[in-house]
Protein backbone atom coordinates (compact mmCIF):
# COMPACT_ATOMS: atom_id res chain seq x y z
CA MET A 1 -9.34 2.09 0.56
CA SER A 2 -8.83 1.04 -3.12
CA LEU A 3 -6.14 -0.47 -4.58
CA ARG A 4 -6.64 0.96 -8.36
CA GLY A 5 -3.53 2.57 -9.61
CA HIS A 6 -1.37 1.26 -6.59
CA ARG A 7 1.94 0.96 -8.41
CA PRO A 8 3.99 -1.44 -5.70
CA LEU A 9 0.90 -3.90 -6.20
CA LEU A 10 0.71 -3.22 -9.91
CA LEU A 11 4.48 -4.51 -10.05
CA LEU A 12 4.04 -7.33 -8.11
CA VAL A 13 0.78 -8.58 -9.71
CA THR A 14 2.57 -8.33 -12.95
CA GLU A 15 5.58 -10.16 -11.66
CA GLN A 16 3.34 -13.00 -10.53
CA LEU A 17 1.43 -13.51 -13.95
CA THR A 18 4.46 -13.31 -15.96
CA SER A 19 6.43 -15.68 -13.38
CA SER A 20 3.53 -18.14 -13.04
CA VAL A 21 3.17 -18.36 -16.83
CA GLY A 22 6.99 -19.28 -17.29
CA ARG A 23 7.00 -21.60 -14.28
CA GLN A 24 3.91 -23.52 -15.75
CA VAL A 25 5.81 -23.67 -19.33
CA THR A 26 8.92 -25.22 -17.26
CA ALA A 27 6.80 -27.82 -15.05
CA LEU A 28 5.74 -29.11 -18.46
CA ALA A 29 8.96 -29.01 -20.65
CA LEU A 30 11.67 -30.19 -17.94
CA PRO A 31 9.98 -33.66 -17.54
CA LEU A 32 9.50 -34.09 -21.30
CA LEU A 33 13.28 -32.94 -21.59
CA ALA A 34 14.31 -35.59 -19.17
CA ILE A 35 12.34 -38.03 -20.99
CA ALA A 36 13.67 -36.87 -24.61
CA HIS A 37 17.20 -36.61 -23.85
CA LEU A 38 18.05 -38.77 -20.98
CA SER A 39 15.35 -41.38 -21.37
CA ALA A 40 13.55 -40.79 -17.82
CA GLY A 41 11.34 -43.33 -16.30
CA PRO A 42 8.97 -43.12 -13.20
CA LEU A 43 11.88 -42.83 -10.99
CA GLY A 44 13.27 -40.20 -12.55
CA ALA A 45 10.60 -38.14 -13.31
CA SER A 46 9.49 -38.55 -9.48
CA GLY A 47 13.12 -37.83 -8.63
CA LEU A 48 13.26 -34.46 -10.61
CA MET A 49 9.65 -33.23 -8.95
CA VAL A 50 11.20 -34.04 -5.42
CA MET A 51 14.44 -31.90 -6.21
CA THR A 52 11.96 -29.23 -7.09
CA TYR A 53 10.52 -28.89 -3.45
CA LEU A 54 13.20 -30.44 -1.19
CA PRO A 55 15.78 -27.76 -0.96
CA GLY A 56 13.05 -25.44 -0.19
CA VAL A 57 11.98 -27.44 2.96
CA LEU A 58 15.70 -28.26 4.07
CA LEU A 59 16.51 -24.51 3.65
CA SER A 60 13.35 -23.07 5.31
CA PRO A 61 14.97 -21.92 8.58
CA LEU A 62 18.01 -20.02 6.74
CA ILE A 63 15.54 -18.71 4.29
CA GLY A 64 13.41 -17.28 7.11
CA ILE A 65 15.98 -15.59 8.64
CA THR A 66 17.37 -14.12 5.51
CA VAL A 67 14.33 -12.89 4.52
CA ASP A 68 13.86 -10.90 8.00
CA ARG A 69 17.15 -9.43 7.72
CA ALA A 70 17.64 -8.86 4.40
CA ARG A 71 17.48 -5.77 1.94
CA LEU A 72 14.05 -7.23 0.58
CA ARG A 73 13.90 -5.35 -2.90
CA ARG A 74 17.48 -6.34 -3.50
CA LEU A 75 16.52 -9.93 -2.29
CA LEU A 76 13.86 -10.25 -4.73
CA VAL A 77 15.55 -9.10 -7.63
CA THR A 78 18.62 -11.13 -6.80
CA ALA A 79 16.97 -14.48 -6.57
CA THR A 80 14.83 -13.74 -9.57
CA TRP A 81 17.94 -12.77 -11.85
CA ALA A 82 19.77 -15.67 -10.35
CA GLN A 83 17.31 -18.04 -12.25
CA VAL A 84 18.05 -17.06 -15.64
CA PRO A 85 21.78 -18.67 -15.69
CA VAL A 86 20.34 -21.69 -13.89
CA VAL A 87 17.35 -22.42 -15.95
CA GLY A 88 19.32 -21.14 -19.07
CA SER A 89 22.01 -23.71 -18.65
CA VAL A 90 19.83 -26.62 -19.56
CA PRO A 91 19.04 -25.71 -23.22
CA ILE A 92 22.77 -24.43 -24.05
CA ALA A 93 23.55 -27.90 -22.51
CA ALA A 94 20.87 -29.80 -24.50
CA ALA A 95 22.04 -27.97 -27.82
CA LEU A 96 25.81 -29.02 -27.06
CA ASP A 97 24.25 -32.86 -26.30
CA GLY A 98 25.94 -32.39 -22.99
CA LEU A 99 22.91 -32.65 -20.70
CA THR A 100 23.15 -34.99 -17.84
CA TRP A 101 21.28 -36.06 -14.70
CA PRO A 102 23.14 -34.72 -12.39
CA HIS A 103 22.90 -31.21 -14.40
CA LEU A 104 19.26 -31.56 -14.67
CA LEU A 105 18.87 -32.49 -10.63
CA THR A 106 21.02 -29.62 -9.75
CA VAL A 107 19.20 -27.11 -11.77
CA ALA A 108 15.76 -28.31 -10.30
CA ALA A 109 17.35 -27.99 -6.82
CA VAL A 110 18.66 -24.60 -7.05
CA SER A 111 15.90 -23.41 -9.25
CA GLY A 112 13.52 -24.71 -6.60
CA ALA A 113 15.49 -23.00 -3.45
CA LEU A 114 15.48 -19.72 -5.27
CA ASN A 115 11.76 -19.90 -5.65
CA SER A 116 11.28 -20.83 -2.23
CA ALA A 117 13.22 -17.71 -1.18
CA GLN A 118 11.14 -15.44 -3.39
CA SER A 119 8.03 -16.81 -2.40
CA VAL A 120 8.62 -16.02 1.41
CA ALA A 121 10.24 -12.59 0.71
CA LEU A 122 7.01 -11.71 -1.62
CA GLN A 123 4.70 -12.51 1.63
CA SER A 124 6.87 -10.64 3.61
CA CYS A 125 7.14 -7.53 1.22
CA LEU A 126 3.26 -7.28 0.85
CA PRO A 127 2.61 -5.97 4.09
CA ARG A 128 5.11 -3.05 3.65
CA VAL A 129 3.49 -1.85 0.39
CA VAL A 130 0.33 -1.73 1.15
CA SER A 131 -2.27 -1.03 4.51
CA SER A 132 -3.56 -3.70 6.70
CA GLN A 133 -7.00 -2.76 5.18
CA GLN A 134 -5.86 -3.80 1.98
CA LEU A 135 -3.84 -6.91 2.57
CA LEU A 136 -6.81 -9.08 1.66
CA ALA A 137 -7.57 -7.47 -1.54
CA ALA A 138 -4.00 -7.27 -2.45
CA ASN A 139 -3.55 -11.03 -1.59
CA SER A 140 -6.68 -11.88 -3.88
CA SER A 141 -4.98 -9.77 -6.64
CA LEU A 142 -1.75 -11.96 -6.30
CA THR A 143 -3.49 -15.18 -6.00
CA GLY A 144 -5.49 -14.10 -9.09
CA ALA A 145 -2.39 -13.29 -11.10
CA ARG A 146 -1.01 -16.93 -10.49
CA THR A 147 -4.37 -18.30 -11.43
CA ALA A 148 -3.98 -16.86 -14.68
CA GLY A 149 -0.64 -18.20 -15.21
CA LEU A 150 -1.92 -21.96 -13.95
CA ILE A 151 -4.31 -21.41 -16.80
CA GLY A 152 -2.42 -19.81 -19.65
CA GLY A 153 1.18 -21.39 -18.82
CA PRO A 154 0.56 -24.97 -19.55
CA ALA A 155 -1.48 -24.09 -22.64
CA LEU A 156 1.52 -21.82 -23.92
CA GLY A 157 3.90 -24.64 -23.19
CA GLY A 158 2.57 -27.29 -24.77
CA LEU A 159 2.22 -25.22 -28.02
CA LEU A 160 5.62 -24.16 -27.44
CA ILE A 161 6.81 -27.71 -27.10
CA GLY A 162 4.85 -28.72 -30.00
CA ILE A 163 6.69 -26.22 -32.29
CA VAL A 164 10.18 -26.53 -30.99
CA ASP A 165 12.11 -29.17 -28.57
CA PRO A 166 11.33 -29.17 -24.76
CA ALA A 167 14.84 -27.30 -24.34
CA PRO A 168 14.60 -24.13 -25.98
CA ALA A 169 10.62 -23.88 -24.31
CA LEU A 170 12.82 -23.37 -21.01
CA LEU A 171 14.16 -20.11 -22.43
CA VAL A 172 10.58 -18.43 -21.95
CA GLU A 173 10.86 -18.83 -18.12
CA CYS A 174 14.42 -17.27 -18.47
CA ALA A 175 12.58 -14.15 -20.28
CA ALA A 176 9.95 -14.09 -17.59
CA TYR A 177 12.59 -14.13 -14.77
CA LEU A 178 14.56 -10.91 -16.86
CA ILE A 179 11.10 -9.12 -16.88
CA GLY A 180 10.10 -9.87 -13.17
CA GLY A 181 13.67 -9.13 -11.95
CA SER A 182 13.15 -5.55 -13.62
CA LEU A 183 9.70 -5.36 -12.25
CA PHE A 184 11.13 -5.94 -8.43
CA LEU A 185 13.77 -3.42 -9.20
CA ALA A 186 11.10 -0.85 -9.83
CA LEU A 187 9.77 -1.58 -6.16
CA PRO A 188 10.09 1.56 -3.52
CA ALA A 189 13.70 1.99 -2.19
CA ALA A 190 12.18 1.86 1.26
CA LEU A 191 12.01 -2.15 0.93
CA ASN A 192 15.97 -2.00 1.20
CA ARG A 193 15.68 -1.50 4.56
CA PRO A 194 15.79 -4.12 6.75
CA VAL A 195 12.84 -4.96 9.53
CA ASP A 196 15.42 -6.75 11.63
CA GLN A 197 18.67 -4.72 11.71
CA ALA A 198 18.80 -4.59 15.35
CA GLY A 199 18.58 -8.39 15.33
CA ALA A 200 20.93 -9.13 12.59
CA ASP A 201 23.55 -7.15 14.82
CA ALA A 202 22.57 -8.76 18.03
CA LYS A 203 21.77 -12.36 17.67
CA SER A 204 23.14 -15.38 16.10
CA ARG A 205 20.90 -17.17 13.18
CA ILE A 206 20.10 -19.98 16.15
CA ASP A 207 19.07 -17.15 18.31
CA ALA A 208 17.16 -15.61 15.29
CA LEU A 209 15.49 -18.94 14.26
CA ARG A 210 14.61 -19.73 18.11
CA GLU A 211 12.65 -16.30 18.33
CA GLY A 212 10.87 -16.96 15.37
CA LEU A 213 9.85 -20.50 16.55
CA ALA A 214 8.83 -18.71 20.18
CA VAL A 215 6.19 -16.54 17.75
CA ILE A 216 4.72 -19.89 16.32
CA ARG A 217 4.67 -21.57 19.83
CA ARG A 218 3.24 -18.61 21.63
CA GLU A 219 0.48 -17.91 18.46
CA THR A 220 -1.76 -20.87 18.66
CA LEU A 221 -3.46 -19.51 15.46
CA LEU A 222 -0.38 -20.31 13.54
CA ARG A 223 0.23 -23.82 15.00
CA ARG A 224 -3.37 -24.63 14.28
CA GLN A 225 -2.72 -22.93 10.78
CA ALA A 226 -0.03 -25.54 10.40
CA LEU A 227 -2.07 -28.47 11.35
CA ALA A 228 -4.85 -27.23 9.04
CA ALA A 229 -2.52 -27.08 6.02
CA ALA A 230 -0.69 -30.24 6.65
CA GLY A 231 -3.87 -32.09 6.96
CA LEU A 232 -5.58 -30.70 3.67
CA ASN A 233 -2.41 -30.97 1.71
CA LEU A 234 -1.80 -34.76 3.28
CA GLY A 235 -5.48 -35.33 1.83
CA GLY A 236 -5.31 -33.41 -0.98
CA GLY A 237 -1.87 -34.81 -2.18
CA ALA A 238 -2.99 -38.38 -1.69
CA GLY A 239 -6.54 -37.29 -3.53
CA SER A 240 -4.47 -35.53 -6.48
CA GLY A 241 -1.73 -38.74 -6.83
CA LEU A 242 -4.30 -41.17 -7.55
CA PHE A 243 -7.02 -38.57 -9.31
CA ILE A 244 -6.17 -39.55 -13.01
CA LEU A 245 -5.95 -43.17 -12.57
CA TYR A 246 -9.15 -43.25 -10.76
CA ALA A 247 -11.15 -41.13 -12.82
CA SER A 248 -10.04 -42.66 -16.08
CA GLN A 249 -9.36 -46.63 -14.77
CA GLU A 250 -12.21 -46.93 -12.30
CA LEU A 251 -15.07 -44.44 -13.23
CA GLY A 252 -14.29 -44.82 -16.76
CA LEU A 253 -13.99 -41.15 -17.63
CA PRO A 254 -12.87 -40.26 -21.40
CA SER A 255 -10.07 -37.80 -21.79
CA GLY A 256 -12.54 -34.94 -23.06
CA GLN A 257 -14.90 -35.21 -19.62
CA LEU A 258 -11.42 -35.24 -17.70
CA GLY A 259 -10.39 -32.24 -19.01
CA ILE A 260 -13.66 -30.52 -18.45
CA VAL A 261 -13.10 -31.89 -14.84
CA TYR A 262 -9.53 -30.38 -14.53
CA ALA A 263 -11.01 -26.77 -16.14
CA ALA A 264 -13.56 -26.87 -13.51
CA TYR A 265 -10.71 -26.56 -10.94
CA ALA A 266 -9.35 -23.33 -12.26
CA VAL A 267 -13.07 -21.83 -12.71
CA GLY A 268 -13.51 -22.64 -8.83
CA MET A 269 -9.94 -20.91 -8.31
CA GLY A 270 -11.28 -18.12 -10.40
CA ALA A 271 -14.19 -17.66 -8.63
CA GLY A 272 -12.33 -17.71 -5.10
CA VAL A 273 -10.12 -15.06 -6.17
CA LEU A 274 -13.47 -12.69 -7.29
CA LEU A 275 -15.35 -13.46 -4.09
CA ALA A 276 -12.71 -13.52 -1.54
CA SER A 277 -13.29 -10.09 -0.33
CA SER A 278 -16.96 -10.60 -0.42
CA ILE A 279 -17.19 -13.65 1.57
CA THR A 280 -14.89 -12.46 4.10
CA ARG A 281 -16.79 -9.23 4.58
CA ALA A 282 -19.95 -11.46 4.77
CA LEU A 283 -18.77 -13.63 7.30
CA GLY A 284 -15.70 -11.92 8.95
CA MET A 285 -12.32 -13.11 8.50
CA ALA A 286 -12.14 -15.59 11.16
CA ARG A 287 -15.20 -17.08 10.09
CA ALA A 288 -14.21 -17.39 6.51
CA ILE A 289 -10.97 -18.93 7.30
CA GLN A 290 -12.79 -21.69 9.41
CA VAL A 291 -16.11 -22.48 7.18
CA CYS A 292 -13.68 -22.04 4.00
CA ALA A 293 -10.93 -24.80 5.51
CA LEU A 294 -13.66 -27.01 6.72
CA GLY A 295 -15.66 -27.18 3.43
CA ALA A 296 -12.27 -27.55 1.21
CA GLY A 297 -11.86 -30.52 3.79
CA ALA A 298 -15.31 -31.98 3.47
CA ALA A 299 -15.54 -31.43 -0.56
CA LEU A 300 -12.42 -34.32 -0.65
CA PHE A 301 -15.32 -36.67 -0.03
CA LEU A 302 -16.81 -36.20 -3.36
CA ILE A 303 -13.91 -37.83 -5.11
CA PRO A 304 -15.00 -41.63 -3.62
CA ALA A 305 -18.52 -40.56 -3.81
CA ALA A 306 -18.00 -40.51 -7.48
CA SER A 307 -17.92 -44.23 -7.47
CA LEU A 308 -21.54 -44.46 -6.63
CA GLY A 309 -22.54 -43.09 -9.69
CA LEU A 310 -22.89 -39.85 -11.85
CA ALA A 311 -18.94 -39.89 -11.59
CA PHE A 312 -18.60 -36.77 -14.27
CA PRO A 313 -21.10 -34.10 -12.61
CA VAL A 314 -19.85 -35.07 -9.25
CA LEU A 315 -16.29 -34.80 -9.93
CA VAL A 316 -17.00 -31.33 -11.70
CA LEU A 317 -18.66 -30.46 -8.54
CA TYR A 318 -15.64 -31.39 -6.56
CA GLU A 319 -13.39 -29.34 -8.65
CA LEU A 320 -15.52 -26.19 -8.32
CA LEU A 321 -16.20 -26.72 -4.84
CA PHE A 322 -12.62 -27.55 -3.48
CA GLY A 323 -11.13 -24.74 -6.30
CA LEU A 324 -13.54 -22.00 -4.65
CA LEU A 325 -13.21 -22.81 -0.76
CA ALA A 326 -9.47 -23.56 -0.75
CA THR A 327 -8.80 -20.40 -2.77
CA VAL A 328 -10.69 -17.97 -0.37
CA TRP A 329 -9.17 -19.75 2.64
CA SER A 330 -5.71 -19.66 1.30
CA ILE A 331 -6.05 -15.83 0.61
CA ALA A 332 -7.87 -15.06 4.38
CA MET A 333 -5.40 -17.17 6.15
CA THR A 334 -2.15 -15.78 4.58
CA THR A 335 -3.98 -12.24 5.00
CA GLY A 336 -4.40 -13.16 8.93
CA ARG A 337 -1.01 -14.37 9.34
CA GLN A 338 0.64 -11.30 7.87
CA LEU A 339 -1.75 -9.21 10.33
CA ILE A 340 -0.86 -11.12 13.52
CA THR A 341 2.45 -11.84 12.87
CA PRO A 342 5.38 -8.92 13.81
CA ALA A 343 6.82 -7.40 10.84
CA HIS A 344 10.85 -8.46 11.62
CA LEU A 345 9.62 -12.10 12.31
CA LEU A 346 7.41 -12.44 8.95
CA GLY A 347 10.01 -14.02 7.17
CA ARG A 348 10.54 -16.80 9.58
CA VAL A 349 7.04 -17.75 10.14
CA ASN A 350 6.23 -17.32 6.42
CA ALA A 351 9.29 -19.94 5.70
CA PHE A 352 7.91 -22.42 7.98
CA LEU A 353 4.81 -22.66 7.36
CA GLN A 354 5.84 -22.82 3.43
CA ALA A 355 7.98 -25.85 4.48
CA VAL A 356 4.80 -27.66 6.10
CA LEU A 357 2.86 -26.93 2.93
CA THR A 358 5.75 -28.19 0.44
CA ALA A 359 6.79 -30.95 2.21
CA THR A 360 3.20 -32.65 3.11
CA LEU A 361 1.84 -32.68 -0.70
CA PRO A 362 4.36 -35.36 -1.92
CA VAL A 363 4.52 -37.10 1.40
CA GLY A 364 0.75 -37.52 0.99
CA ALA A 365 0.87 -38.34 -2.79
CA LEU A 366 3.47 -41.02 -1.77
CA VAL A 367 1.51 -42.31 1.24
CA GLY A 368 -1.49 -42.55 -0.72
CA GLY A 369 -0.15 -44.23 -3.68
CA GLY A 370 1.37 -47.11 -1.29
CA LEU A 371 -1.62 -47.68 0.49
CA ALA A 372 -3.80 -47.89 -2.52
CA SER A 373 -1.66 -50.96 -3.96
CA HIS A 374 -2.90 -52.89 -0.75
CA VAL A 375 -6.20 -51.84 0.00
CA GLY A 376 -7.45 -50.24 -2.97
CA ILE A 377 -8.05 -46.65 -4.18
CA VAL A 378 -11.60 -45.89 -2.86
CA PRO A 379 -10.74 -46.52 0.62
CA VAL A 380 -7.56 -44.37 0.64
CA LEU A 381 -9.64 -41.72 -0.92
CA ILE A 382 -12.13 -41.77 2.01
CA GLY A 383 -8.92 -41.63 4.62
CA ALA A 384 -7.43 -39.06 2.76
CA ALA A 385 -10.58 -36.75 2.97
CA ALA A 386 -11.11 -37.58 6.56
CA VAL A 387 -7.39 -36.68 7.49
CA ALA A 388 -8.03 -32.94 5.49
CA LEU A 389 -11.25 -32.65 7.13
CA ALA A 390 -9.76 -33.56 10.83
CA GLY A 391 -6.92 -30.94 10.00
CA ALA A 392 -9.36 -28.29 9.24
CA SER A 393 -11.40 -29.04 12.26
CA SER A 394 -8.57 -27.74 14.28
CA LEU A 395 -9.13 -24.18 13.26
CA TRP A 396 -12.70 -24.32 15.33
CA PHE A 397 -11.28 -24.90 18.72
CA PRO A 398 -10.87 -23.11 21.06
CA ARG A 399 -13.57 -21.30 19.98
CA ASP A 400 -11.66 -17.49 20.25
CA LEU A 401 -8.83 -19.05 18.44
CA LEU A 402 -9.37 -16.24 15.81
CA ALA A 403 -10.32 -13.63 17.93
CA THR A 404 -7.05 -11.69 17.41
CA VAL A 405 -7.36 -12.08 13.62
CA GLU A 406 -10.79 -10.47 13.61
CA ARG A 407 -9.83 -7.66 15.72
CA THR A 408 -6.78 -6.83 13.57
CA ALA A 409 -8.95 -6.95 10.59
CA GLN A 410 -11.48 -4.79 11.89
CA THR A 411 -8.73 -1.90 13.47
CA PRO A 412 -8.88 0.88 11.16
């Protein structure tokens, strides 16, 4: 069934594009603001990044329960519009010369928590506005919108910061949140009917959390998805944390070639968005999940392989392959999770898996950096690729692990 002219999906895609651009501007402006106004060093910049992710990880159980019980449209609007005074307080404080570290860290934490809540709510919202047969294409569309934001956002942020101080550039994200909340407000009113109203009346939050964890314990696929995601993010985080240092100092890539390498990742992601449906149809959803996860893990071995020669083309190939395969895997796996998880538990399951994804990436970067100072970068990169491949391999056992997803995806 075609999604052309599907109004709710168009609203969601537009919001994702707008908010992605805004967040990328802020991701560039906030650290530069800390450097310019608060003389931030490496520790301060790292602390700012940690505070952006940590609340979403710690609050994931509460976020999941809230999403399952909430009026989704109201929650999406509230979480989005609440960002305006939070983020907007930073340029106001900077203009009054009153910006402090506690203020900036609090903004990073609150904004990060709101972003986590919105992300979980959006994943739970999508199966309620499109049919199960449209989920894969819908997830591809949302990923495509976010990818466009990843490409355009940093460029816009760099341009704005070059013209004005980093603080006023944050107003771009405020405007994006105002627009995003309005788009969410135009979603169908039916989303304001909680799918777990009975559970909200009958269960405590502890009981609701246990119910969500019971689904993850019962569904082997959900546990393996968490394991695969953890492996890929631990390995990928270690590789990402060391990548610039490795490419520029050990491989001697000039900045121009390094820019092309990073652009290749965006090209790979874009190809993944365009080809996700075709690859899934050709292989079947189950096999596409397995093959693409394994391929993304194996692609990480190309990073240390670049030290053997032909560094520039090898790293370009890595970025293209990893961007393509990881994107298709993410789209197919998100769709599979939405297909097999009961609607009234989707928020809790999404929140748990998002916490795994969010927590393992910085852990991988931190552990990889610590180990590299003792044993060298290349051995750590090889180990990181092995961890990622091992995690992805868990999706291949037992042989019928993804049978439920395949049957559900084929059900008319």
